Amino acid sequence: MIVELKSNAKINLGLNIVGKAENGYHLLDMVMVPISLADNLSIDFKEIKGNLKIETNMKDVPVGKDNIISKVYKEFYRETGLEKQMIEVYLKKNIPSQAGLGGGSSNGAFFFNALNKYYGNPINFQRAVEITKEVGADIPFFLLNKPSRVEGIGENLGVIENNIKDKIILIKPDFGVSTVVAYKNYAKLEDKKDADIDKIIEGMKSGNLDDLENYLENHLEQGLLLEDKNIIEFRKKLEKLGKNQDMKFHMSGSGSCYYTFVGKDNIDQIYDEIKTTMEGCRVEICSFL
């Protein structure tokens, strides 16, 4: 039995660091929204005893125990007590890594849901959240895969109505960033700007992009802009481009990917302008799911 899935990415519409849990994880308050950019996940259930085998089109993606799919596989069988089955997974990566788009967590969540469904859903949603949040903080969101206000370390989810119809252009530079440095530097900031999550949610419901965009802030980006020279220079280029085209750019998650909203009428022109100006970057047009 073979299952073919589109394992989609996400963007963050606002991200606030609001505290720290006893286990050291940071507590967040943010909005996450699924987008159309996706990996292809092919899962072949062999229906015989065995183990997991992962293959991928990307050389830098681990295929052993460090792959998030492998960790989810292990946790599922540990939780259910079922005998391990041979499963072959082919993962065609399209979502860039070190981007803040949740590619790995998406893969883990979609695999978990497929595995759970194959066995008749022995694990309910809330228990699935508890199990998978230890594997990856963004996995619970992707288990649900709906526009959501996400709180805690990622396990508290509240579905949001999203009526924003604009397209999204992603701009991923050819470098990644350190999430550890982002959190560390944020603690040093004297002038912190908070995202107004309530206003963002209102803007999503009304479908008014101006109502939403005026309240977007990202604490992790603010931490990176304190000393990450690559991000500082990249941000400057985006701001210059934004002034020419009357656009605003926002970092997703811990970066390094940025996004901007574009109307359908001039999307091709703006895409070409970004592609030409931001040389060396991956530029993608996508939409909300």
C-alpha atoms as a PDB file:
ATOM      1  CA  MET A   1       0.000   0.000   0.000  1.00  0.00           C
ATOM      2  CA  ILE A   2       1.478   3.311  -1.157  1.00  0.00           C
ATOM      3  CA  VAL A   3       0.328   6.706   0.119  1.00  0.00           C
ATOM      4  CA  GLU A   4       1.317   9.897  -1.748  1.00  0.00           C
ATOM      5  CA  LEU A   5       1.191  13.156   0.212  1.00  0.00           C
ATOM      6  CA  LYS A   6       1.979  16.845  -0.214  1.00  0.00           C
ATOM      7  CA  SER A   7       3.791  17.913   2.949  1.00  0.00           C
ATOM      8  CA  ASN A   8       3.349  21.696   2.946  1.00  0.00           C
ATOM      9  CA  ALA A   9       5.266  24.566   4.536  1.00  0.00           C
ATOM     10  CA  LYS A  10       4.057  27.394   6.812  1.00  0.00           C
ATOM     11  CA  ILE A  11       4.763  31.030   7.494  1.00  0.00           C
ATOM     12  CA  ASN A  12       4.501  32.940  10.760  1.00  0.00           C
ATOM     13  CA  LEU A  13       2.336  36.039  10.932  1.00  0.00           C
ATOM     14  CA  GLY A  14       3.857  37.539  14.064  1.00  0.00           C
ATOM     15  CA  LEU A  15       5.986  35.810  16.696  1.00  0.00           C
ATOM     16  CA  ASN A  16       6.379  36.839  20.349  1.00  0.00           C
ATOM     17  CA  ILE A  17       8.602  35.221  22.965  1.00  0.00           C
ATOM     18  CA  VAL A  18       6.570  35.390  26.161  1.00  0.00           C
ATOM     19  CA  GLY A  19       8.576  33.329  28.672  1.00  0.00           C
ATOM     20  CA  LYS A  20      10.491  30.159  29.367  1.00  0.00           C
ATOM     21  CA  ALA A  21       9.267  26.758  30.556  1.00  0.00           C
ATOM     22  CA  GLU A  22      10.900  24.776  33.359  1.00  0.00           C
ATOM     23  CA  ASN A  23      12.475  22.431  30.818  1.00  0.00           C
ATOM     24  CA  GLY A  24      14.227  25.352  29.123  1.00  0.00           C
ATOM     25  CA  TYR A  25      11.957  25.627  26.090  1.00  0.00           C
ATOM     26  CA  HIS A  26      10.869  29.139  25.168  1.00  0.00           C
ATOM     27  CA  LEU A  27       7.170  29.929  25.382  1.00  0.00           C
ATOM     28  CA  LEU A  28       5.747  31.607  22.295  1.00  0.00           C
ATOM     29  CA  ASP A  29       2.609  33.377  21.120  1.00  0.00           C
ATOM     30  CA  MET A  30       2.329  33.455  17.330  1.00  0.00           C
ATOM     31  CA  VAL A  31       0.171  32.887  14.283  1.00  0.00           C
ATOM     32  CA  MET A  32       1.074  30.098  11.870  1.00  0.00           C
ATOM     33  CA  VAL A  33      -0.549  29.578   8.485  1.00  0.00           C
ATOM     34  CA  PRO A  34      -0.070  26.690   6.019  1.00  0.00           C
ATOM     35  CA  ILE A  35       1.084  27.636   2.516  1.00  0.00           C
ATOM     36  CA  SER A  36       1.149  25.850  -0.836  1.00  0.00           C
ATOM     37  CA  LEU A  37       4.916  25.266  -1.100  1.00  0.00           C
ATOM     38  CA  ALA A  38       5.339  21.566  -0.340  1.00  0.00           C
ATOM     39  CA  ASP A  39       7.562  18.484  -0.292  1.00  0.00           C
ATOM     40  CA  ASN A  40       6.373  15.222  -1.859  1.00  0.00           C
ATOM     41  CA  LEU A  41       6.130  12.313   0.560  1.00  0.00           C
ATOM     42  CA  SER A  42       5.683   8.762  -0.746  1.00  0.00           C
ATOM     43  CA  ILE A  43       5.013   6.140   1.972  1.00  0.00           C
ATOM     44  CA  ASP A  44       5.066   2.459   1.030  1.00  0.00           C
ATOM     45  CA  PHE A  45       3.577   0.225   3.739  1.00  0.00           C
ATOM     46  CA  LYS A  46       5.084  -3.205   3.014  1.00  0.00           C
ATOM     47  CA  GLU A  47       2.742  -5.102   5.380  1.00  0.00           C
ATOM     48  CA  ILE A  48       5.540  -7.279   6.730  1.00  0.00           C
ATOM     49  CA  LYS A  49       7.661  -7.024   9.862  1.00  0.00           C
ATOM     50  CA  GLY A  50      10.674  -4.793   9.548  1.00  0.00           C
ATOM     51  CA  ASN A  51      11.966  -1.267   9.958  1.00  0.00           C
ATOM     52  CA  LEU A  52      11.864   2.149   8.332  1.00  0.00           C
ATOM     53  CA  LYS A  53      13.872   3.037   5.238  1.00  0.00           C
ATOM     54  CA  ILE A  54      14.122   6.639   4.037  1.00  0.00           C
ATOM     55  CA  GLU A  55      15.416   7.893   0.699  1.00  0.00           C
ATOM     56  CA  THR A  56      15.526  11.490  -0.466  1.00  0.00           C
ATOM     57  CA  ASN A  57      16.606  13.640  -3.396  1.00  0.00           C
ATOM     58  CA  MET A  58      18.762  15.885  -1.191  1.00  0.00           C
ATOM     59  CA  LYS A  59      22.240  14.792  -0.121  1.00  0.00           C
ATOM     60  CA  ASP A  60      22.302  16.986   2.994  1.00  0.00           C
ATOM     61  CA  VAL A  61      19.057  15.534   4.426  1.00  0.00           C
ATOM     62  CA  PRO A  62      19.771  12.735   6.950  1.00  0.00           C
ATOM     63  CA  VAL A  63      18.085   9.402   6.238  1.00  0.00           C
ATOM     64  CA  GLY A  64      18.948   7.631   9.493  1.00  0.00           C
ATOM     65  CA  LYS A  65      17.881   8.087  13.103  1.00  0.00           C
ATOM     66  CA  ASP A  66      18.393  11.878  12.935  1.00  0.00           C
ATOM     67  CA  ASN A  67      15.630  12.322  10.371  1.00  0.00           C
ATOM     68  CA  ILE A  68      12.455  13.636  12.001  1.00  0.00           C
ATOM     69  CA  ILE A  69      10.399  10.969  10.206  1.00  0.00           C
ATOM     70  CA  SER A  70      12.539   8.290  11.841  1.00  0.00           C
ATOM     71  CA  LYS A  71      11.958   9.858  15.266  1.00  0.00           C
ATOM     72  CA  VAL A  72       8.196   9.950  14.705  1.00  0.00           C
ATOM     73  CA  TYR A  73       8.233   6.309  13.555  1.00  0.00           C
ATOM     74  CA  LYS A  74      10.000   5.314  16.777  1.00  0.00           C
ATOM     75  CA  GLU A  75       7.616   7.297  19.008  1.00  0.00           C
ATOM     76  CA  PHE A  76       4.502   5.929  17.304  1.00  0.00           C
ATOM     77  CA  TYR A  77       5.453   2.299  17.876  1.00  0.00           C
ATOM     78  CA  ARG A  78       6.671   3.020  21.391  1.00  0.00           C
ATOM     79  CA  GLU A  79       3.320   4.612  22.256  1.00  0.00           C
ATOM     80  CA  THR A  80       1.094   1.967  20.645  1.00  0.00           C
ATOM     81  CA  GLY A  81       3.132  -1.126  21.477  1.00  0.00           C
ATOM     82  CA  LEU A  82       2.465  -2.427  17.966  1.00  0.00           C
ATOM     83  CA  GLU A  83       5.023  -4.557  16.191  1.00  0.00           C
ATOM     84  CA  LYS A  84       7.197  -2.500  13.850  1.00  0.00           C
ATOM     85  CA  GLN A  85       6.362  -2.799  10.178  1.00  0.00           C
ATOM     86  CA  MET A  86       8.600  -2.340   7.180  1.00  0.00           C
ATOM     87  CA  ILE A  87       7.902   1.066   5.648  1.00  0.00           C
ATOM     88  CA  GLU A  88       9.801   2.664   2.773  1.00  0.00           C
ATOM     89  CA  VAL A  89       9.628   6.442   2.487  1.00  0.00           C
ATOM     90  CA  TYR A  90      10.754   8.550  -0.449  1.00  0.00           C
ATOM     91  CA  LEU A  91      10.993  12.227   0.442  1.00  0.00           C
ATOM     92  CA  LYS A  92      11.328  14.690  -2.421  1.00  0.00           C
ATOM     93  CA  LYS A  93      12.381  17.947  -0.777  1.00  0.00           C
ATOM     94  CA  ASN A  94      11.193  21.240  -2.195  1.00  0.00           C
ATOM     95  CA  ILE A  95      10.884  23.312   0.992  1.00  0.00           C
ATOM     96  CA  PRO A  96      14.283  24.892   1.734  1.00  0.00           C
ATOM     97  CA  SER A  97      15.987  24.036   5.016  1.00  0.00           C
ATOM     98  CA  GLN A  98      17.093  26.610   7.619  1.00  0.00           C
ATOM     99  CA  ALA A  99      14.320  28.860   6.345  1.00  0.00           C
ATOM    100  CA  GLY A 100      11.755  29.082   9.161  1.00  0.00           C
ATOM    101  CA  LEU A 101       9.177  27.366   6.944  1.00  0.00           C
ATOM    102  CA  GLY A 102       8.833  24.187   9.016  1.00  0.00           C
ATOM    103  CA  GLY A 103       9.783  21.692   6.300  1.00  0.00           C
ATOM    104  CA  GLY A 104      11.125  18.987   8.617  1.00  0.00           C
ATOM    105  CA  SER A 105       8.269  19.312  11.107  1.00  0.00           C
ATOM    106  CA  SER A 106       5.764  19.105   8.261  1.00  0.00           C
ATOM    107  CA  ASN A 107       7.335  15.868   7.039  1.00  0.00           C
ATOM    108  CA  GLY A 108       7.164  14.412  10.548  1.00  0.00           C
ATOM    109  CA  ALA A 109       3.523  15.417  11.054  1.00  0.00           C
ATOM    110  CA  PHE A 110       2.275  14.167   7.702  1.00  0.00           C
ATOM    111  CA  PHE A 111       4.085  10.860   8.212  1.00  0.00           C
ATOM    112  CA  PHE A 112       2.612  10.512  11.725  1.00  0.00           C
ATOM    113  CA  ASN A 113      -0.924  11.157  10.475  1.00  0.00           C
ATOM    114  CA  ALA A 114      -0.501   8.632   7.658  1.00  0.00           C
ATOM    115  CA  LEU A 115       0.897   6.004  10.034  1.00  0.00           C
ATOM    116  CA  ASN A 116      -1.853   6.608  12.568  1.00  0.00           C
ATOM    117  CA  LYS A 117      -4.551   6.394   9.882  1.00  0.00           C
ATOM    118  CA  TYR A 118      -3.070   3.160   8.507  1.00  0.00           C
ATOM    119  CA  TYR A 119      -3.603   1.503  11.892  1.00  0.00           C
ATOM    120  CA  GLY A 120      -7.119   2.901  12.365  1.00  0.00           C
ATOM    121  CA  ASN A 121      -6.153   6.000  14.415  1.00  0.00           C
ATOM    122  CA  PRO A 122      -5.162   4.326  17.704  1.00  0.00           C
ATOM    123  CA  ILE A 123      -3.765   7.665  18.949  1.00  0.00           C
ATOM    124  CA  ASN A 124      -6.182  10.577  19.365  1.00  0.00           C
ATOM    125  CA  PHE A 125      -5.228  14.108  18.356  1.00  0.00           C
ATOM    126  CA  GLN A 126      -4.426  15.439  21.830  1.00  0.00           C
ATOM    127  CA  ARG A 127      -2.196  12.491  22.622  1.00  0.00           C
ATOM    128  CA  ALA A 128      -0.513  12.870  19.234  1.00  0.00           C
ATOM    129  CA  VAL A 129       0.307  16.471  20.155  1.00  0.00           C
ATOM    130  CA  GLU A 130       1.831  15.380  23.474  1.00  0.00           C
ATOM    131  CA  ILE A 131       3.979  12.727  21.786  1.00  0.00           C
ATOM    132  CA  THR A 132       5.205  14.743  18.822  1.00  0.00           C
ATOM    133  CA  LYS A 133       5.923  18.078  20.525  1.00  0.00           C
ATOM    134  CA  GLU A 134       9.010  16.462  22.066  1.00  0.00           C
ATOM    135  CA  VAL A 135      10.225  15.509  18.581  1.00  0.00           C
ATOM    136  CA  GLY A 136       9.644  18.930  17.019  1.00  0.00           C
ATOM    137  CA  ALA A 137       7.858  21.990  18.409  1.00  0.00           C
ATOM    138  CA  ASP A 138       6.139  22.755  15.078  1.00  0.00           C
ATOM    139  CA  ILE A 139       4.814  19.225  14.522  1.00  0.00           C
ATOM    140  CA  PRO A 140       1.559  19.761  16.497  1.00  0.00           C
ATOM    141  CA  PHE A 141       0.653  22.653  14.191  1.00  0.00           C
ATOM    142  CA  PHE A 142       1.185  20.506  11.099  1.00  0.00           C
ATOM    143  CA  LEU A 143      -0.883  17.667  12.582  1.00  0.00           C
ATOM    144  CA  LEU A 144      -3.785  20.134  12.420  1.00  0.00           C
ATOM    145  CA  ASN A 145      -2.482  22.087   9.396  1.00  0.00           C
ATOM    146  CA  LYS A 146      -4.942  24.982   9.658  1.00  0.00           C
ATOM    147  CA  PRO A 147      -4.384  28.722  10.284  1.00  0.00           C
ATOM    148  CA  SER A 148      -3.850  28.846  14.034  1.00  0.00           C
ATOM    149  CA  ARG A 149      -2.814  30.888  17.011  1.00  0.00           C
ATOM    150  CA  VAL A 150      -0.020  28.804  18.498  1.00  0.00           C
ATOM    151  CA  GLU A 151       1.033  29.179  22.134  1.00  0.00           C
ATOM    152  CA  GLY A 152       3.210  27.445  24.707  1.00  0.00           C
ATOM    153  CA  ILE A 153       6.075  25.581  23.062  1.00  0.00           C
ATOM    154  CA  GLY A 154       3.775  24.884  20.112  1.00  0.00           C
ATOM    155  CA  GLU A 155       1.221  22.539  21.644  1.00  0.00           C
ATOM    156  CA  ASN A 156      -1.647  24.977  22.309  1.00  0.00           C
ATOM    157  CA  LEU A 157      -3.559  25.531  19.083  1.00  0.00           C
ATOM    158  CA  GLY A 158      -6.573  27.698  18.287  1.00  0.00           C
ATOM    159  CA  VAL A 159      -7.907  27.655  14.722  1.00  0.00           C
ATOM    160  CA  ILE A 160      -8.270  31.068  13.014  1.00  0.00           C
ATOM    161  CA  GLU A 161     -10.430  32.162  10.090  1.00  0.00           C
ATOM    162  CA  ASN A 162      -8.216  33.487   7.300  1.00  0.00           C
ATOM    163  CA  ASN A 163      -9.743  35.587   4.516  1.00  0.00           C
ATOM    164  CA  ILE A 164      -6.527  37.119   3.136  1.00  0.00           C
ATOM    165  CA  LYS A 165      -6.571  36.394  -0.615  1.00  0.00           C
ATOM    166  CA  ASP A 166      -3.225  37.918  -1.602  1.00  0.00           C
ATOM    167  CA  LYS A 167      -0.447  35.745  -2.966  1.00  0.00           C
ATOM    168  CA  ILE A 168       2.811  35.326  -1.052  1.00  0.00           C
ATOM    169  CA  ILE A 169       6.328  35.653  -2.425  1.00  0.00           C
ATOM    170  CA  LEU A 170       9.042  33.875  -0.448  1.00  0.00           C
ATOM    171  CA  ILE A 171      12.656  35.084  -0.599  1.00  0.00           C
ATOM    172  CA  LYS A 172      15.182  32.603   0.793  1.00  0.00           C
ATOM    173  CA  PRO A 173      18.843  33.767   0.867  1.00  0.00           C
ATOM    174  CA  ASP A 174      21.674  31.324   0.271  1.00  0.00           C
ATOM    175  CA  PHE A 175      22.532  31.195   3.987  1.00  0.00           C
ATOM    176  CA  GLY A 176      20.868  29.985   7.154  1.00  0.00           C
ATOM    177  CA  VAL A 177      20.778  31.465  10.638  1.00  0.00           C
ATOM    178  CA  SER A 178      21.261  30.226  14.191  1.00  0.00           C
ATOM    179  CA  THR A 179      18.041  29.864  16.184  1.00  0.00           C
ATOM    180  CA  VAL A 180      20.150  29.624  19.356  1.00  0.00           C
ATOM    181  CA  VAL A 181      21.745  33.003  18.631  1.00  0.00           C
ATOM    182  CA  ALA A 182      18.332  34.520  17.847  1.00  0.00           C
ATOM    183  CA  TYR A 183      16.945  33.526  21.250  1.00  0.00           C
ATOM    184  CA  LYS A 184      20.130  34.522  23.067  1.00  0.00           C
ATOM    185  CA  ASN A 185      20.315  37.943  21.448  1.00  0.00           C
ATOM    186  CA  TYR A 186      16.633  38.669  21.942  1.00  0.00           C
ATOM    187  CA  ALA A 187      17.239  38.566  25.693  1.00  0.00           C
ATOM    188  CA  LYS A 188      19.785  41.370  25.238  1.00  0.00           C
ATOM    189  CA  LEU A 189      17.435  43.719  23.398  1.00  0.00           C
ATOM    190  CA  GLU A 190      16.486  46.931  25.168  1.00  0.00           C
ATOM    191  CA  ASP A 191      13.880  48.080  22.629  1.00  0.00           C
ATOM    192  CA  LYS A 192      11.593  45.118  21.912  1.00  0.00           C
ATOM    193  CA  LYS A 193       8.680  45.394  19.508  1.00  0.00           C
ATOM    194  CA  ASP A 194       5.780  43.002  20.088  1.00  0.00           C
ATOM    195  CA  ALA A 195       3.458  41.616  17.452  1.00  0.00           C
ATOM    196  CA  ASP A 196      -0.174  42.411  18.250  1.00  0.00           C
ATOM    197  CA  ILE A 197      -1.543  38.893  17.801  1.00  0.00           C
ATOM    198  CA  ASP A 198      -5.151  39.911  18.464  1.00  0.00           C
ATOM    199  CA  LYS A 199      -4.997  42.607  15.769  1.00  0.00           C
ATOM    200  CA  ILE A 200      -3.358  40.193  13.335  1.00  0.00           C
ATOM    201  CA  ILE A 201      -6.188  37.706  13.875  1.00  0.00           C
ATOM    202  CA  GLU A 202      -8.752  40.482  13.298  1.00  0.00           C
ATOM    203  CA  GLY A 203      -7.010  41.401  10.037  1.00  0.00           C
ATOM    204  CA  MET A 204      -7.061  37.784   8.890  1.00  0.00           C
ATOM    205  CA  LYS A 205     -10.782  37.508   9.583  1.00  0.00           C
ATOM    206  CA  SER A 206     -11.614  40.792   7.852  1.00  0.00           C
ATOM    207  CA  GLY A 207      -9.375  39.994   4.893  1.00  0.00           C
ATOM    208  CA  ASN A 208      -7.809  43.453   5.185  1.00  0.00           C
ATOM    209  CA  LEU A 209      -4.081  43.139   4.604  1.00  0.00           C
ATOM    210  CA  ASP A 210      -3.317  46.625   5.998  1.00  0.00           C
ATOM    211  CA  ASP A 211      -5.048  45.739   9.264  1.00  0.00           C
ATOM    212  CA  LEU A 212      -2.791  42.706   9.529  1.00  0.00           C
ATOM    213  CA  GLU A 213       0.551  43.932   8.227  1.00  0.00           C
ATOM    214  CA  ASN A 214       0.801  46.942  10.531  1.00  0.00           C
ATOM    215  CA  TYR A 215       1.005  44.640  13.555  1.00  0.00           C
ATOM    216  CA  LEU A 216       3.505  42.026  12.361  1.00  0.00           C
ATOM    217  CA  GLU A 217       6.683  41.732  14.441  1.00  0.00           C
ATOM    218  CA  ASN A 218       9.072  38.835  15.013  1.00  0.00           C
ATOM    219  CA  HIS A 219      11.112  38.638  18.204  1.00  0.00           C
ATOM    220  CA  LEU A 220      13.531  36.117  16.676  1.00  0.00           C
ATOM    221  CA  GLU A 221      14.279  38.429  13.770  1.00  0.00           C
ATOM    222  CA  GLN A 222      14.932  41.268  16.226  1.00  0.00           C
ATOM    223  CA  GLY A 223      17.452  39.058  18.008  1.00  0.00           C
ATOM    224  CA  LEU A 224      19.230  38.194  14.756  1.00  0.00           C
ATOM    225  CA  LEU A 225      19.361  41.836  13.661  1.00  0.00           C
ATOM    226  CA  LEU A 226      21.381  42.616  16.759  1.00  0.00           C
ATOM    227  CA  GLU A 227      24.564  41.057  15.360  1.00  0.00           C
ATOM    228  CA  ASP A 228      23.993  38.660  12.413  1.00  0.00           C
ATOM    229  CA  LYS A 229      25.766  40.518   9.606  1.00  0.00           C
ATOM    230  CA  ASN A 230      24.211  38.396   6.846  1.00  0.00           C
ATOM    231  CA  ILE A 231      20.673  39.110   8.020  1.00  0.00           C
ATOM    232  CA  ILE A 232      21.435  42.791   8.642  1.00  0.00           C
ATOM    233  CA  GLU A 233      22.673  43.271   5.067  1.00  0.00           C
ATOM    234  CA  PHE A 234      19.897  41.133   3.602  1.00  0.00           C
ATOM    235  CA  ARG A 235      17.281  43.129   5.469  1.00  0.00           C
ATOM    236  CA  LYS A 236      18.726  46.389   4.144  1.00  0.00           C
ATOM    237  CA  LYS A 237      18.421  45.141   0.554  1.00  0.00           C
ATOM    238  CA  LEU A 238      14.816  44.107   1.173  1.00  0.00           C
ATOM    239  CA  GLU A 239      13.949  47.478   2.694  1.00  0.00           C
ATOM    240  CA  LYS A 240      15.412  49.298  -0.319  1.00  0.00           C
ATOM    241  CA  LEU A 241      13.440  47.058  -2.654  1.00  0.00           C
ATOM    242  CA  GLY A 242      10.312  47.550  -0.552  1.00  0.00           C
ATOM    243  CA  LYS A 243      10.492  51.333  -0.877  1.00  0.00           C
ATOM    244  CA  ASN A 244      10.692  51.068  -4.667  1.00  0.00           C
ATOM    245  CA  GLN A 245       7.716  48.698  -4.897  1.00  0.00           C
ATOM    246  CA  ASP A 246       5.714  49.789  -1.817  1.00  0.00           C
ATOM    247  CA  MET A 247       6.122  46.392  -0.178  1.00  0.00           C
ATOM    248  CA  LYS A 248       6.834  45.161   3.323  1.00  0.00           C
ATOM    249  CA  PHE A 249       8.961  42.105   4.061  1.00  0.00           C
ATOM    250  CA  HIS A 250       8.617  39.853   7.093  1.00  0.00           C
ATOM    251  CA  MET A 251      10.748  37.006   8.434  1.00  0.00           C
ATOM    252  CA  SER A 252       9.067  33.646   8.925  1.00  0.00           C
ATOM    253  CA  GLY A 253       9.837  31.871  12.197  1.00  0.00           C
ATOM    254  CA  SER A 254      13.540  31.793  12.970  1.00  0.00           C
ATOM    255  CA  GLY A 255      14.466  32.602   9.348  1.00  0.00           C
ATOM    256  CA  SER A 256      16.307  33.034   7.136  1.00  0.00           C
ATOM    257  CA  CYS A 257      13.352  33.171   4.720  1.00  0.00           C
ATOM    258  CA  TYR A 258      11.348  36.387   4.285  1.00  0.00           C
ATOM    259  CA  TYR A 259       7.978  36.869   2.629  1.00  0.00           C
ATOM    260  CA  THR A 260       5.836  39.646   1.212  1.00  0.00           C
ATOM    261  CA  PHE A 261       2.175  39.847   0.188  1.00  0.00           C
ATOM    262  CA  VAL A 262       1.315  40.634  -3.415  1.00  0.00           C
ATOM    263  CA  GLY A 263      -1.967  41.202  -5.244  1.00  0.00           C
ATOM    264  CA  LYS A 264      -2.778  38.994  -8.222  1.00  0.00           C
ATOM    265  CA  ASP A 265      -2.684  41.864 -10.753  1.00  0.00           C
ATOM    266  CA  ASN A 266       1.035  42.684 -10.552  1.00  0.00           C
ATOM    267  CA  ILE A 267       2.527  39.499  -9.134  1.00  0.00           C
ATOM    268  CA  ASP A 268       4.590  38.564 -12.213  1.00  0.00           C
ATOM    269  CA  GLN A 269       6.166  42.025 -12.406  1.00  0.00           C
ATOM    270  CA  ILE A 270       7.076  42.028  -8.717  1.00  0.00           C
ATOM    271  CA  TYR A 271       8.378  38.453  -8.883  1.00  0.00           C
ATOM    272  CA  ASP A 272      10.723  39.435 -11.730  1.00  0.00           C
ATOM    273  CA  GLU A 273      11.855  42.543  -9.827  1.00  0.00           C
ATOM    274  CA  ILE A 274      12.648  40.529  -6.692  1.00  0.00           C
ATOM    275  CA  LYS A 275      14.374  37.786  -8.675  1.00  0.00           C
ATOM    276  CA  THR A 276      16.590  40.338 -10.428  1.00  0.00           C
ATOM    277  CA  THR A 277      17.359  42.463  -7.379  1.00  0.00           C
ATOM    278  CA  MET A 278      17.912  39.676  -4.833  1.00  0.00           C
ATOM    279  CA  GLU A 279      20.486  37.786  -6.861  1.00  0.00           C
ATOM    280  CA  GLY A 280      21.373  34.328  -5.544  1.00  0.00           C
ATOM    281  CA  CYS A 281      18.124  33.951  -3.604  1.00  0.00           C
ATOM    282  CA  ARG A 282      15.434  31.371  -4.129  1.00  0.00           C
ATOM    283  CA  VAL A 283      12.167  33.158  -4.928  1.00  0.00           C
ATOM    284  CA  GLU A 284       8.833  31.335  -4.849  1.00  0.00           C
ATOM    285  CA  ILE A 285       5.230  32.398  -5.445  1.00  0.00           C
ATOM    286  CA  CYS A 286       2.736  30.569  -3.241  1.00  0.00           C
ATOM    287  CA  SER A 287      -0.647  30.960  -1.586  1.00  0.00           C
ATOM    288  CA  PHE A 288      -2.389  30.278   1.702  1.00  0.00           C
ATOM    289  CA  LEU A 289      -4.049  26.888   2.061  1.00  0.00           C
END
